[in-house]
């Protein structure tokens, strides 16, 4: 077991992601299934981070290909965390795994799946993180062009979590929703209220 885990870590550190992934898939049953799934998920995340960090933006044609690869890798990481989440519904870190899954699907532009998993996160009633989840939910709904539902998500933060740091992003994005629904005056009113807020610093 120690040799397998050491080999997996060495491959991961050397960015030999295909080898690390293949080894993690073969860990069970010598290593318990949940531990193996955690390694698969972590490896998929590191793979996505590596591809994203090496993204080159010099040539448009190459950029499009690389962006597609980045999104593919984040979606694959979302899949890995989804499989892990399904295996640990009673574990303490279950909400964290669900949240990570939703975020990675979002980064992979798998918006429907991201929305499904952030909804699971909200239903799990975590100790904290609901306001930021409503913001994320609204962003995914905007990406799916479901603007009224997105606006409703942002308004939940404004009305139910007015003291949470997420409220400023929620208010800003609610203005974007209004603008995209051709409610220009309402959008301007929202944004002016943000600018006139005494709670904001100049940098914000």
N, C-alpha and C. Protein backbone atom coordinates (compact mmCIF):
# COMPACT_ATOMS: atom_id res chain seq x y z
N UNK A 1 0.83 -1.21 0.00
CA UNK A 1 0.00 0.00 0.00
C UNK A 1 0.87 1.26 0.00
N UNK A 2 1.89 1.26 0.85
CA UNK A 2 2.76 2.43 0.92
C UNK A 2 3.47 2.66 -0.41
N UNK A 3 3.90 1.60 -1.05
CA UNK A 3 4.60 1.73 -2.34
C UNK A 3 3.66 2.27 -3.41
N UNK A 4 2.43 1.79 -3.42
CA UNK A 4 1.45 2.26 -4.42
C UNK A 4 1.16 3.73 -4.22
N UNK A 5 0.92 4.13 -2.97
CA UNK A 5 0.61 5.53 -2.69
C UNK A 5 1.81 6.43 -2.99
N UNK A 6 3.01 5.94 -2.69
CA UNK A 6 4.21 6.71 -2.98
C UNK A 6 4.40 6.88 -4.48
N UNK A 7 4.16 5.81 -5.23
CA UNK A 7 4.29 5.89 -6.69
C UNK A 7 3.27 6.86 -7.27
N UNK A 8 2.04 6.79 -6.76
CA UNK A 8 0.99 7.71 -7.22
C UNK A 8 1.40 9.16 -6.97
N UNK A 9 1.92 9.44 -5.78
CA UNK A 9 2.32 10.81 -5.44
C UNK A 9 3.48 11.28 -6.31
N UNK A 10 4.43 10.39 -6.57
CA UNK A 10 5.57 10.76 -7.41
C UNK A 10 5.13 11.07 -8.83
N UNK A 11 4.23 10.26 -9.37
CA UNK A 11 3.72 10.53 -10.71
C UNK A 11 2.94 11.85 -10.74
N UNK A 12 2.17 12.09 -9.71
CA UNK A 12 1.39 13.33 -9.65
C UNK A 12 2.33 14.53 -9.59
N UNK A 13 3.34 14.46 -8.74
CA UNK A 13 4.28 15.57 -8.60
C UNK A 13 5.06 15.81 -9.90
N UNK A 14 5.31 14.73 -10.64
CA UNK A 14 6.03 14.86 -11.91
C UNK A 14 5.09 15.19 -13.07
N UNK A 15 3.81 15.37 -12.76
CA UNK A 15 2.78 15.69 -13.76
C UNK A 15 2.64 14.60 -14.81
N UNK A 16 2.83 13.37 -14.37
CA UNK A 16 2.52 12.21 -15.22
C UNK A 16 1.09 11.78 -14.86
N UNK A 17 0.14 12.59 -15.32
CA UNK A 17 -1.23 12.45 -14.84
C UNK A 17 -1.93 11.19 -15.34
N UNK A 18 -1.64 10.79 -16.56
CA UNK A 18 -2.29 9.58 -17.08
C UNK A 18 -1.86 8.36 -16.27
N UNK A 19 -0.57 8.27 -15.95
CA UNK A 19 -0.08 7.15 -15.16
C UNK A 19 -0.66 7.18 -13.74
N UNK A 20 -0.70 8.38 -13.14
CA UNK A 20 -1.25 8.51 -11.79
C UNK A 20 -2.73 8.12 -11.77
N UNK A 21 -3.45 8.55 -12.81
CA UNK A 21 -4.88 8.23 -12.88
C UNK A 21 -5.09 6.73 -13.04
N UNK A 22 -4.31 6.12 -13.91
CA UNK A 22 -4.45 4.68 -14.13
C UNK A 22 -4.14 3.90 -12.86
N UNK A 23 -3.11 4.33 -12.13
CA UNK A 23 -2.75 3.64 -10.89
C UNK A 23 -3.85 3.81 -9.84
N UNK A 24 -4.40 4.99 -9.72
CA UNK A 24 -5.46 5.24 -8.74
C UNK A 24 -6.68 4.36 -9.03
N UNK A 25 -6.97 4.15 -10.30
CA UNK A 25 -8.11 3.30 -10.65
C UNK A 25 -7.90 1.84 -10.27
N UNK A 26 -6.63 1.44 -10.12
CA UNK A 26 -6.32 0.05 -9.78
C UNK A 26 -6.05 -0.14 -8.29
N UNK A 27 -6.16 0.92 -7.49
CA UNK A 27 -5.85 0.82 -6.07
C UNK A 27 -6.79 -0.11 -5.32
N UNK A 28 -8.07 -0.03 -5.61
CA UNK A 28 -9.06 -0.86 -4.92
C UNK A 28 -9.04 -2.26 -5.53
N UNK A 29 -9.14 -3.33 -4.71
CA UNK A 29 -9.50 -3.36 -3.28
C UNK A 29 -8.31 -3.37 -2.31
N UNK A 30 -7.06 -3.35 -2.83
CA UNK A 30 -5.93 -3.34 -1.90
C UNK A 30 -6.01 -2.12 -0.99
N UNK A 31 -6.40 -1.01 -1.55
CA UNK A 31 -6.67 0.22 -0.80
C UNK A 31 -8.17 0.45 -0.88
N UNK A 32 -8.79 0.83 0.24
CA UNK A 32 -10.25 0.92 0.26
C UNK A 32 -10.77 1.86 -0.82
N UNK A 33 -11.98 1.58 -1.30
CA UNK A 33 -12.54 2.25 -2.46
C UNK A 33 -12.64 3.76 -2.28
N UNK A 34 -13.08 4.20 -1.11
CA UNK A 34 -13.24 5.65 -0.89
C UNK A 34 -11.90 6.35 -0.98
N UNK A 35 -10.87 5.78 -0.38
CA UNK A 35 -9.53 6.37 -0.47
C UNK A 35 -9.06 6.43 -1.91
N UNK A 36 -9.33 5.36 -2.66
CA UNK A 36 -8.96 5.34 -4.07
C UNK A 36 -9.70 6.43 -4.84
N UNK A 37 -10.98 6.58 -4.56
CA UNK A 37 -11.77 7.62 -5.25
C UNK A 37 -11.26 9.01 -4.90
N UNK A 38 -10.83 9.20 -3.67
CA UNK A 38 -10.26 10.50 -3.28
C UNK A 38 -8.98 10.78 -4.09
N UNK A 39 -8.17 9.76 -4.28
CA UNK A 39 -6.95 9.93 -5.07
C UNK A 39 -7.28 10.22 -6.54
N UNK A 40 -8.28 9.53 -7.06
CA UNK A 40 -8.69 9.77 -8.45
C UNK A 40 -9.16 11.21 -8.61
N UNK A 41 -9.97 11.68 -7.66
CA UNK A 41 -10.50 13.05 -7.74
C UNK A 41 -9.38 14.08 -7.61
N UNK A 42 -8.50 13.87 -6.64
CA UNK A 42 -7.40 14.82 -6.46
C UNK A 42 -6.49 14.85 -7.68
N UNK A 43 -6.22 13.68 -8.26
CA UNK A 43 -5.40 13.63 -9.46
C UNK A 43 -6.06 14.34 -10.63
N UNK A 44 -7.36 14.16 -10.79
CA UNK A 44 -8.08 14.83 -11.88
C UNK A 44 -8.04 16.35 -11.70
N UNK A 45 -8.15 16.78 -10.44
CA UNK A 45 -8.08 18.23 -10.17
C UNK A 45 -6.71 18.79 -10.52
N UNK A 46 -5.66 18.10 -10.10
CA UNK A 46 -4.30 18.55 -10.39
C UNK A 46 -4.04 18.57 -11.90
N UNK A 47 -4.60 17.60 -12.60
CA UNK A 47 -4.44 17.54 -14.05
C UNK A 47 -5.09 18.77 -14.69
N UNK A 48 -6.29 19.10 -14.25
CA UNK A 48 -6.98 20.27 -14.78
C UNK A 48 -6.21 21.55 -14.47
N UNK A 49 -5.72 21.67 -13.25
CA UNK A 49 -4.94 22.85 -12.87
C UNK A 49 -3.70 22.99 -13.73
N UNK A 50 -3.03 21.87 -14.01
CA UNK A 50 -1.81 21.91 -14.81
C UNK A 50 -2.10 22.34 -16.24
N UNK A 51 -3.13 21.78 -16.84
CA UNK A 51 -3.49 22.14 -18.21
C UNK A 51 -3.87 23.61 -18.28
N UNK A 52 -4.63 24.08 -17.29
CA UNK A 52 -5.05 25.47 -17.28
C UNK A 52 -3.86 26.41 -17.11
N UNK A 53 -2.92 26.06 -16.26
CA UNK A 53 -1.77 26.93 -16.01
C UNK A 53 -0.84 27.01 -17.20
N UNK A 54 -0.85 26.00 -18.06
CA UNK A 54 0.03 26.00 -19.24
C UNK A 54 -0.66 26.55 -20.47
N UNK A 55 -1.86 27.09 -20.29
CA UNK A 55 -2.62 27.60 -21.43
C UNK A 55 -1.85 28.72 -22.12
N UNK A 56 -1.67 28.59 -23.40
CA UNK A 56 -1.00 29.61 -24.20
C UNK A 56 -2.04 30.37 -25.02
N UNK A 57 -1.90 31.69 -25.04
CA UNK A 57 -2.89 32.52 -25.72
C UNK A 57 -2.31 33.22 -26.94
N UNK A 58 -1.23 32.71 -27.48
CA UNK A 58 -0.55 33.41 -28.56
C UNK A 58 -1.26 33.28 -29.90
N UNK A 59 -1.68 32.08 -30.25
CA UNK A 59 -2.31 31.84 -31.53
C UNK A 59 -3.77 31.47 -31.31
N UNK A 60 -4.65 32.14 -32.04
CA UNK A 60 -6.08 31.95 -31.82
C UNK A 60 -6.50 30.50 -32.04
N UNK A 61 -6.00 29.87 -33.10
CA UNK A 61 -6.39 28.49 -33.38
C UNK A 61 -5.93 27.57 -32.26
N UNK A 62 -4.69 27.77 -31.82
CA UNK A 62 -4.16 26.96 -30.74
C UNK A 62 -4.89 27.24 -29.44
N UNK A 63 -5.25 28.50 -29.23
CA UNK A 63 -5.97 28.89 -28.02
C UNK A 63 -7.30 28.14 -27.91
N UNK A 64 -8.03 28.07 -29.01
CA UNK A 64 -9.33 27.39 -28.98
C UNK A 64 -9.17 25.92 -28.64
N UNK A 65 -8.14 25.30 -29.19
CA UNK A 65 -7.90 23.89 -28.90
C UNK A 65 -7.55 23.70 -27.43
N UNK A 66 -6.71 24.59 -26.91
CA UNK A 66 -6.30 24.47 -25.52
C UNK A 66 -7.44 24.77 -24.55
N UNK A 67 -8.27 25.76 -24.91
CA UNK A 67 -9.43 26.05 -24.07
C UNK A 67 -10.36 24.84 -24.00
N UNK A 68 -10.52 24.17 -25.12
CA UNK A 68 -11.37 22.97 -25.14
C UNK A 68 -10.78 21.88 -24.24
N UNK A 69 -9.44 21.76 -24.25
CA UNK A 69 -8.80 20.76 -23.40
C UNK A 69 -8.95 21.12 -21.92
N UNK A 70 -8.81 22.40 -21.60
CA UNK A 70 -8.98 22.84 -20.22
C UNK A 70 -10.38 22.51 -19.73
N UNK A 71 -11.38 22.82 -20.54
CA UNK A 71 -12.76 22.54 -20.14
C UNK A 71 -13.01 21.05 -20.01
N UNK A 72 -12.40 20.27 -20.89
CA UNK A 72 -12.55 18.81 -20.81
C UNK A 72 -11.97 18.28 -19.51
N UNK A 73 -10.80 18.80 -19.12
CA UNK A 73 -10.16 18.33 -17.91
C UNK A 73 -10.93 18.74 -16.66
N UNK A 74 -11.48 19.97 -16.62
CA UNK A 74 -12.28 20.38 -15.47
C UNK A 74 -13.57 19.56 -15.39
N UNK A 75 -14.16 19.25 -16.52
CA UNK A 75 -15.36 18.41 -16.52
C UNK A 75 -15.03 17.01 -16.01
N UNK A 76 -13.88 16.49 -16.43
CA UNK A 76 -13.45 15.18 -15.94
C UNK A 76 -13.22 15.21 -14.43
N UNK A 77 -12.68 16.31 -13.94
CA UNK A 77 -12.49 16.45 -12.50
C UNK A 77 -13.85 16.51 -11.79
N UNK A 78 -14.80 17.22 -12.40
CA UNK A 78 -16.15 17.23 -11.85
C UNK A 78 -16.74 15.83 -11.78
N UNK A 79 -16.52 15.05 -12.82
CA UNK A 79 -17.00 13.66 -12.83
C UNK A 79 -16.38 12.86 -11.69
N UNK A 80 -15.07 13.05 -11.47
CA UNK A 80 -14.38 12.31 -10.42
C UNK A 80 -14.92 12.68 -9.04
N UNK A 81 -15.15 13.97 -8.82
CA UNK A 81 -15.69 14.39 -7.52
C UNK A 81 -17.15 13.96 -7.37
N UNK A 82 -17.89 13.89 -8.47
CA UNK A 82 -19.27 13.40 -8.40
C UNK A 82 -19.30 11.93 -7.96
N UNK A 83 -18.40 11.14 -8.52
CA UNK A 83 -18.31 9.72 -8.13
C UNK A 83 -17.92 9.60 -6.67
N UNK A 84 -16.99 10.43 -6.23
CA UNK A 84 -16.59 10.42 -4.82
C UNK A 84 -17.76 10.80 -3.92
N UNK A 85 -18.48 11.84 -4.30
CA UNK A 85 -19.62 12.30 -3.49
C UNK A 85 -20.67 11.21 -3.33
N UNK A 86 -20.92 10.48 -4.39
CA UNK A 86 -21.92 9.41 -4.33
C UNK A 86 -21.49 8.28 -3.40
N UNK A 87 -20.18 8.19 -3.14
CA UNK A 87 -19.68 7.11 -2.28
C UNK A 87 -19.58 7.51 -0.81
N UNK A 88 -19.76 8.82 -0.51
CA UNK A 88 -19.54 9.27 0.87
C UNK A 88 -20.70 10.13 1.38
N UNK A 89 -21.95 9.74 1.18
CA UNK A 89 -23.07 10.61 1.57
C UNK A 89 -23.16 10.88 3.06
N UNK A 90 -22.51 10.06 3.89
CA UNK A 90 -22.59 10.26 5.33
C UNK A 90 -21.28 10.81 5.91
N UNK A 91 -20.30 11.06 5.07
CA UNK A 91 -19.01 11.58 5.55
C UNK A 91 -19.13 13.07 5.89
N UNK A 92 -18.27 13.51 6.80
CA UNK A 92 -18.31 14.91 7.24
C UNK A 92 -18.01 15.88 6.11
N UNK A 93 -17.14 15.50 5.18
CA UNK A 93 -16.76 16.43 4.11
C UNK A 93 -17.64 16.30 2.87
N UNK A 94 -18.77 15.61 3.00
CA UNK A 94 -19.68 15.44 1.86
C UNK A 94 -20.08 16.78 1.23
N UNK A 95 -20.51 17.79 2.02
CA UNK A 95 -20.87 19.07 1.40
C UNK A 95 -19.69 19.72 0.67
N UNK A 96 -18.49 19.61 1.22
CA UNK A 96 -17.32 20.19 0.56
C UNK A 96 -17.04 19.52 -0.78
N UNK A 97 -17.21 18.21 -0.82
CA UNK A 97 -16.98 17.48 -2.07
C UNK A 97 -18.02 17.87 -3.11
N UNK A 98 -19.27 18.01 -2.68
CA UNK A 98 -20.32 18.44 -3.61
C UNK A 98 -20.02 19.83 -4.16
N UNK A 99 -19.59 20.72 -3.28
CA UNK A 99 -19.29 22.09 -3.70
C UNK A 99 -18.14 22.10 -4.71
N UNK A 100 -17.10 21.33 -4.43
CA UNK A 100 -15.98 21.23 -5.37
C UNK A 100 -16.44 20.68 -6.70
N UNK A 101 -17.28 19.67 -6.66
CA UNK A 101 -17.82 19.09 -7.89
C UNK A 101 -18.55 20.14 -8.72
N UNK A 102 -19.41 20.91 -8.09
CA UNK A 102 -20.16 21.94 -8.80
C UNK A 102 -19.23 22.97 -9.42
N UNK A 103 -18.24 23.42 -8.66
CA UNK A 103 -17.30 24.42 -9.17
C UNK A 103 -16.52 23.90 -10.37
N UNK A 104 -16.08 22.66 -10.31
CA UNK A 104 -15.29 22.12 -11.41
C UNK A 104 -16.14 21.93 -12.66
N UNK A 105 -17.38 21.52 -12.50
CA UNK A 105 -18.27 21.46 -13.67
C UNK A 105 -18.47 22.86 -14.26
N UNK A 106 -18.58 23.85 -13.39
CA UNK A 106 -18.72 25.22 -13.89
C UNK A 106 -17.50 25.66 -14.68
N UNK A 107 -16.32 25.33 -14.19
CA UNK A 107 -15.09 25.71 -14.89
C UNK A 107 -14.95 24.94 -16.20
N UNK A 108 -15.61 23.78 -16.27
CA UNK A 108 -15.59 23.01 -17.50
C UNK A 108 -16.72 23.36 -18.46
N UNK A 109 -17.49 24.39 -18.10
CA UNK A 109 -18.64 24.84 -18.92
C UNK A 109 -19.73 23.77 -19.02
N UNK A 110 -19.73 22.84 -18.08
CA UNK A 110 -20.82 21.85 -18.00
C UNK A 110 -21.88 22.44 -17.06
N UNK A 111 -22.58 23.45 -17.55
CA UNK A 111 -23.41 24.28 -16.68
C UNK A 111 -24.60 23.54 -16.08
N UNK A 112 -25.21 22.66 -16.85
CA UNK A 112 -26.35 21.90 -16.31
C UNK A 112 -25.91 21.03 -15.14
N UNK A 113 -24.77 20.36 -15.32
CA UNK A 113 -24.27 19.51 -14.25
C UNK A 113 -23.83 20.35 -13.05
N UNK A 114 -23.23 21.49 -13.32
CA UNK A 114 -22.83 22.39 -12.22
C UNK A 114 -24.05 22.84 -11.44
N UNK A 115 -25.11 23.17 -12.14
CA UNK A 115 -26.35 23.60 -11.48
C UNK A 115 -26.94 22.47 -10.65
N UNK A 116 -26.94 21.27 -11.19
CA UNK A 116 -27.47 20.12 -10.46
C UNK A 116 -26.72 19.90 -9.15
N UNK A 117 -25.39 20.02 -9.19
CA UNK A 117 -24.60 19.74 -7.99
C UNK A 117 -24.62 20.89 -7.00
N UNK A 118 -24.73 22.12 -7.46
CA UNK A 118 -24.85 23.20 -6.48
C UNK A 118 -26.21 23.13 -5.79
N UNK A 119 -27.22 22.66 -6.50
CA UNK A 119 -28.52 22.44 -5.86
C UNK A 119 -28.42 21.34 -4.80
N UNK A 120 -27.65 20.29 -5.09
CA UNK A 120 -27.41 19.25 -4.08
C UNK A 120 -26.70 19.84 -2.87
N UNK A 121 -25.74 20.72 -3.12
CA UNK A 121 -25.02 21.36 -2.02
C UNK A 121 -25.97 22.15 -1.13
N UNK A 122 -26.85 22.92 -1.74
CA UNK A 122 -27.80 23.72 -0.97
C UNK A 122 -28.74 22.82 -0.17
N UNK A 123 -29.19 21.73 -0.79
CA UNK A 123 -30.10 20.81 -0.09
C UNK A 123 -29.40 20.07 1.05
N UNK A 124 -28.09 19.98 1.00
CA UNK A 124 -27.37 19.28 2.07
C UNK A 124 -27.31 20.09 3.36
N UNK A 125 -27.78 21.34 3.30
CA UNK A 125 -27.85 22.23 4.47
C UNK A 125 -26.50 22.32 5.18
N UNK A 126 -25.47 22.79 4.48
CA UNK A 126 -24.15 22.90 5.11
C UNK A 126 -24.15 23.98 6.19
N UNK A 127 -23.16 23.90 7.06
CA UNK A 127 -23.05 24.86 8.15
C UNK A 127 -22.83 26.26 7.61
N UNK A 128 -22.07 26.40 6.53
CA UNK A 128 -21.83 27.70 5.92
C UNK A 128 -21.71 27.54 4.42
N UNK A 129 -21.79 28.66 3.71
CA UNK A 129 -21.59 28.63 2.27
C UNK A 129 -22.84 28.76 1.43
N UNK A 130 -24.02 28.85 2.06
CA UNK A 130 -25.25 28.94 1.28
C UNK A 130 -25.31 30.23 0.44
N UNK A 131 -24.97 31.41 0.98
CA UNK A 131 -25.03 32.62 0.14
C UNK A 131 -24.14 32.54 -1.10
N UNK A 132 -22.92 32.06 -0.94
CA UNK A 132 -22.03 31.95 -2.11
C UNK A 132 -22.58 30.91 -3.09
N UNK A 133 -23.27 29.89 -2.55
CA UNK A 133 -23.87 28.89 -3.42
C UNK A 133 -25.02 29.48 -4.22
N UNK A 134 -25.80 30.36 -3.62
CA UNK A 134 -26.86 31.04 -4.36
C UNK A 134 -26.28 31.90 -5.48
N UNK A 135 -25.14 32.55 -5.21
CA UNK A 135 -24.49 33.35 -6.26
C UNK A 135 -24.03 32.44 -7.39
N UNK A 136 -23.39 31.33 -7.04
CA UNK A 136 -22.92 30.39 -8.05
C UNK A 136 -24.10 29.82 -8.83
N UNK A 137 -25.17 29.49 -8.13
CA UNK A 137 -26.39 28.99 -8.77
C UNK A 137 -26.90 30.01 -9.79
N UNK A 138 -26.93 31.28 -9.39
CA UNK A 138 -27.38 32.32 -10.30
C UNK A 138 -26.49 32.46 -11.52
N UNK A 139 -25.17 32.35 -11.31
CA UNK A 139 -24.24 32.44 -12.44
C UNK A 139 -24.48 31.30 -13.43
N UNK A 140 -24.69 30.08 -12.93
CA UNK A 140 -24.94 28.96 -13.83
C UNK A 140 -26.26 29.16 -14.58
N UNK A 141 -27.26 29.67 -13.89
CA UNK A 141 -28.54 29.94 -14.56
C UNK A 141 -28.39 31.01 -15.63
N UNK A 142 -27.57 32.02 -15.37
CA UNK A 142 -27.31 33.04 -16.40
C UNK A 142 -26.63 32.41 -17.62
N UNK A 143 -25.67 31.53 -17.37
CA UNK A 143 -24.99 30.85 -18.48
C UNK A 143 -25.95 30.00 -19.30
N UNK A 144 -27.02 29.55 -18.66
CA UNK A 144 -28.03 28.75 -19.36
C UNK A 144 -29.17 29.62 -19.89
N UNK A 145 -28.99 30.94 -19.78
CA UNK A 145 -29.96 31.92 -20.28
C UNK A 145 -31.31 31.80 -19.57
N UNK A 146 -31.26 31.41 -18.31
CA UNK A 146 -32.49 31.35 -17.49
C UNK A 146 -32.46 32.55 -16.54
N UNK A 147 -32.67 33.72 -17.14
CA UNK A 147 -32.40 34.98 -16.44
C UNK A 147 -33.33 35.25 -15.26
N UNK A 148 -34.65 35.05 -15.38
CA UNK A 148 -35.51 35.30 -14.22
C UNK A 148 -35.14 34.43 -13.02
N UNK A 149 -34.82 33.16 -13.27
CA UNK A 149 -34.43 32.27 -12.18
C UNK A 149 -33.09 32.70 -11.59
N UNK A 150 -32.18 33.18 -12.44
CA UNK A 150 -30.89 33.67 -11.96
C UNK A 150 -31.08 34.89 -11.06
N UNK A 151 -31.91 35.80 -11.51
CA UNK A 151 -32.18 37.00 -10.71
C UNK A 151 -32.76 36.62 -9.34
N UNK A 152 -33.62 35.63 -9.32
CA UNK A 152 -34.21 35.17 -8.06
C UNK A 152 -33.13 34.62 -7.13
N UNK A 153 -32.16 33.89 -7.69
CA UNK A 153 -31.06 33.37 -6.87
C UNK A 153 -30.26 34.49 -6.23
N UNK A 154 -29.95 35.51 -7.03
CA UNK A 154 -29.17 36.64 -6.50
C UNK A 154 -29.96 37.39 -5.43
N UNK A 155 -31.25 37.50 -5.64
CA UNK A 155 -32.08 38.23 -4.67
C UNK A 155 -32.19 37.49 -3.34
N UNK A 156 -32.04 36.18 -3.37
CA UNK A 156 -32.03 35.42 -2.11
C UNK A 156 -30.88 35.89 -1.23
N UNK A 157 -29.74 36.15 -1.84
CA UNK A 157 -28.59 36.63 -1.07
C UNK A 157 -28.88 38.01 -0.51
N UNK A 158 -29.43 38.87 -1.36
CA UNK A 158 -29.69 40.26 -0.95
C UNK A 158 -30.69 40.32 0.19
N UNK A 159 -31.73 39.50 0.13
CA UNK A 159 -32.80 39.59 1.12
C UNK A 159 -32.58 38.70 2.35
N UNK A 160 -31.85 37.59 2.18
CA UNK A 160 -31.69 36.64 3.29
C UNK A 160 -30.30 36.64 3.92
N UNK A 161 -29.32 37.22 3.24
CA UNK A 161 -27.95 37.20 3.76
C UNK A 161 -27.28 38.54 3.50
N UNK A 162 -27.94 39.59 3.92
CA UNK A 162 -27.49 40.95 3.60
C UNK A 162 -26.12 41.29 4.18
N UNK A 163 -25.69 40.57 5.21
CA UNK A 163 -24.39 40.86 5.83
C UNK A 163 -23.27 39.94 5.32
N UNK A 164 -23.60 39.01 4.45
CA UNK A 164 -22.59 38.10 3.92
C UNK A 164 -21.76 38.79 2.85
N UNK A 165 -20.45 38.51 2.77
CA UNK A 165 -19.62 39.14 1.74
C UNK A 165 -20.10 38.88 0.31
N UNK A 166 -20.85 37.81 0.10
CA UNK A 166 -21.34 37.48 -1.25
C UNK A 166 -22.39 38.46 -1.75
N UNK A 167 -22.91 39.31 -0.86
CA UNK A 167 -24.04 40.16 -1.24
C UNK A 167 -23.65 41.16 -2.32
N UNK A 168 -22.41 41.64 -2.31
CA UNK A 168 -22.02 42.63 -3.31
C UNK A 168 -21.96 42.02 -4.71
N UNK A 169 -21.41 40.82 -4.81
CA UNK A 169 -21.41 40.13 -6.10
C UNK A 169 -22.83 39.81 -6.53
N UNK A 170 -23.68 39.42 -5.58
CA UNK A 170 -25.07 39.12 -5.90
C UNK A 170 -25.78 40.36 -6.45
N UNK A 171 -25.55 41.51 -5.83
CA UNK A 171 -26.20 42.74 -6.29
C UNK A 171 -25.68 43.14 -7.68
N UNK A 172 -24.36 43.03 -7.86
CA UNK A 172 -23.79 43.37 -9.17
C UNK A 172 -24.36 42.48 -10.27
N UNK A 173 -24.41 41.17 -10.01
CA UNK A 173 -24.90 40.23 -11.02
C UNK A 173 -26.41 40.36 -11.23
N UNK A 174 -27.14 40.76 -10.19
CA UNK A 174 -28.57 40.99 -10.39
C UNK A 174 -28.77 42.16 -11.36
N UNK A 175 -27.87 43.14 -11.31
CA UNK A 175 -27.92 44.23 -12.29
C UNK A 175 -27.65 43.73 -13.70
N UNK A 176 -26.69 42.81 -13.84
CA UNK A 176 -26.43 42.22 -15.16
C UNK A 176 -27.64 41.47 -15.67
N UNK A 177 -28.31 40.76 -14.78
CA UNK A 177 -29.54 40.06 -15.18
C UNK A 177 -30.56 41.05 -15.73
N UNK A 178 -30.75 42.13 -14.99
CA UNK A 178 -31.73 43.14 -15.42
C UNK A 178 -31.33 43.71 -16.78
N UNK A 179 -30.04 43.97 -16.97
CA UNK A 179 -29.58 44.51 -18.24
C UNK A 179 -29.85 43.54 -19.39
N UNK A 180 -29.56 42.26 -19.15
CA UNK A 180 -29.77 41.27 -20.21
C UNK A 180 -31.25 41.00 -20.47
N UNK A 181 -32.09 41.38 -19.52
CA UNK A 181 -33.53 41.29 -19.75
C UNK A 181 -34.10 42.62 -20.26
N UNK A 182 -33.18 43.50 -20.71
CA UNK A 182 -33.53 44.81 -21.28
C UNK A 182 -34.22 45.72 -20.27
N UNK A 183 -33.92 45.55 -19.01
CA UNK A 183 -34.42 46.45 -17.98
C UNK A 183 -33.28 47.37 -17.56
N UNK A 184 -32.96 48.29 -18.48
CA UNK A 184 -31.77 49.12 -18.32
C UNK A 184 -31.87 50.02 -17.10
N UNK A 185 -33.01 50.63 -16.90
CA UNK A 185 -33.17 51.54 -15.76
C UNK A 185 -33.01 50.81 -14.43
N UNK A 186 -33.58 49.60 -14.35
CA UNK A 186 -33.45 48.82 -13.12
C UNK A 186 -32.00 48.43 -12.86
N UNK A 187 -31.29 48.07 -13.94
CA UNK A 187 -29.87 47.72 -13.80
C UNK A 187 -29.07 48.91 -13.31
N UNK A 188 -29.33 50.06 -13.90
CA UNK A 188 -28.60 51.26 -13.49
C UNK A 188 -28.88 51.61 -12.03
N UNK A 189 -30.11 51.45 -11.62
CA UNK A 189 -30.48 51.75 -10.24
C UNK A 189 -29.73 50.83 -9.27
N UNK A 190 -29.66 49.55 -9.62
CA UNK A 190 -28.95 48.60 -8.76
C UNK A 190 -27.48 48.97 -8.64
N UNK A 191 -26.85 49.27 -9.79
CA UNK A 191 -25.42 49.56 -9.78
C UNK A 191 -25.12 50.90 -9.08
N UNK A 192 -25.99 51.87 -9.26
CA UNK A 192 -25.78 53.15 -8.55
C UNK A 192 -25.90 52.96 -7.03
N UNK A 193 -26.80 52.09 -6.61
CA UNK A 193 -26.94 51.84 -5.18
C UNK A 193 -25.70 51.18 -4.62
N UNK A 194 -25.02 50.35 -5.44
CA UNK A 194 -23.77 49.74 -5.01
C UNK A 194 -22.69 50.82 -4.87
N UNK A 195 -22.58 51.68 -5.87
CA UNK A 195 -21.56 52.73 -5.84
C UNK A 195 -21.77 53.70 -4.69
N UNK A 196 -23.00 53.93 -4.33
CA UNK A 196 -23.31 54.87 -3.25
C UNK A 196 -23.29 54.23 -1.87
N UNK A 197 -23.03 52.93 -1.83
CA UNK A 197 -23.03 52.23 -0.54
C UNK A 197 -21.86 52.68 0.31
N UNK A 198 -22.10 52.89 1.57
CA UNK A 198 -21.05 53.26 2.51
C UNK A 198 -20.23 52.05 2.97
N UNK A 199 -20.67 50.85 2.57
CA UNK A 199 -19.98 49.64 2.99
C UNK A 199 -18.81 49.27 2.07
N UNK A 200 -18.69 49.97 0.94
CA UNK A 200 -17.66 49.64 -0.02
C UNK A 200 -16.45 50.54 0.11
N UNK A 201 -15.26 49.95 -0.08
CA UNK A 201 -14.04 50.74 -0.15
C UNK A 201 -13.81 51.13 -1.62
N UNK A 202 -12.97 52.13 -1.90
CA UNK A 202 -12.71 52.50 -3.29
C UNK A 202 -12.21 51.34 -4.14
N UNK A 203 -11.37 50.45 -3.56
CA UNK A 203 -10.86 49.32 -4.34
C UNK A 203 -11.98 48.39 -4.76
N UNK A 204 -12.98 48.21 -3.90
CA UNK A 204 -14.11 47.34 -4.26
C UNK A 204 -14.92 47.96 -5.39
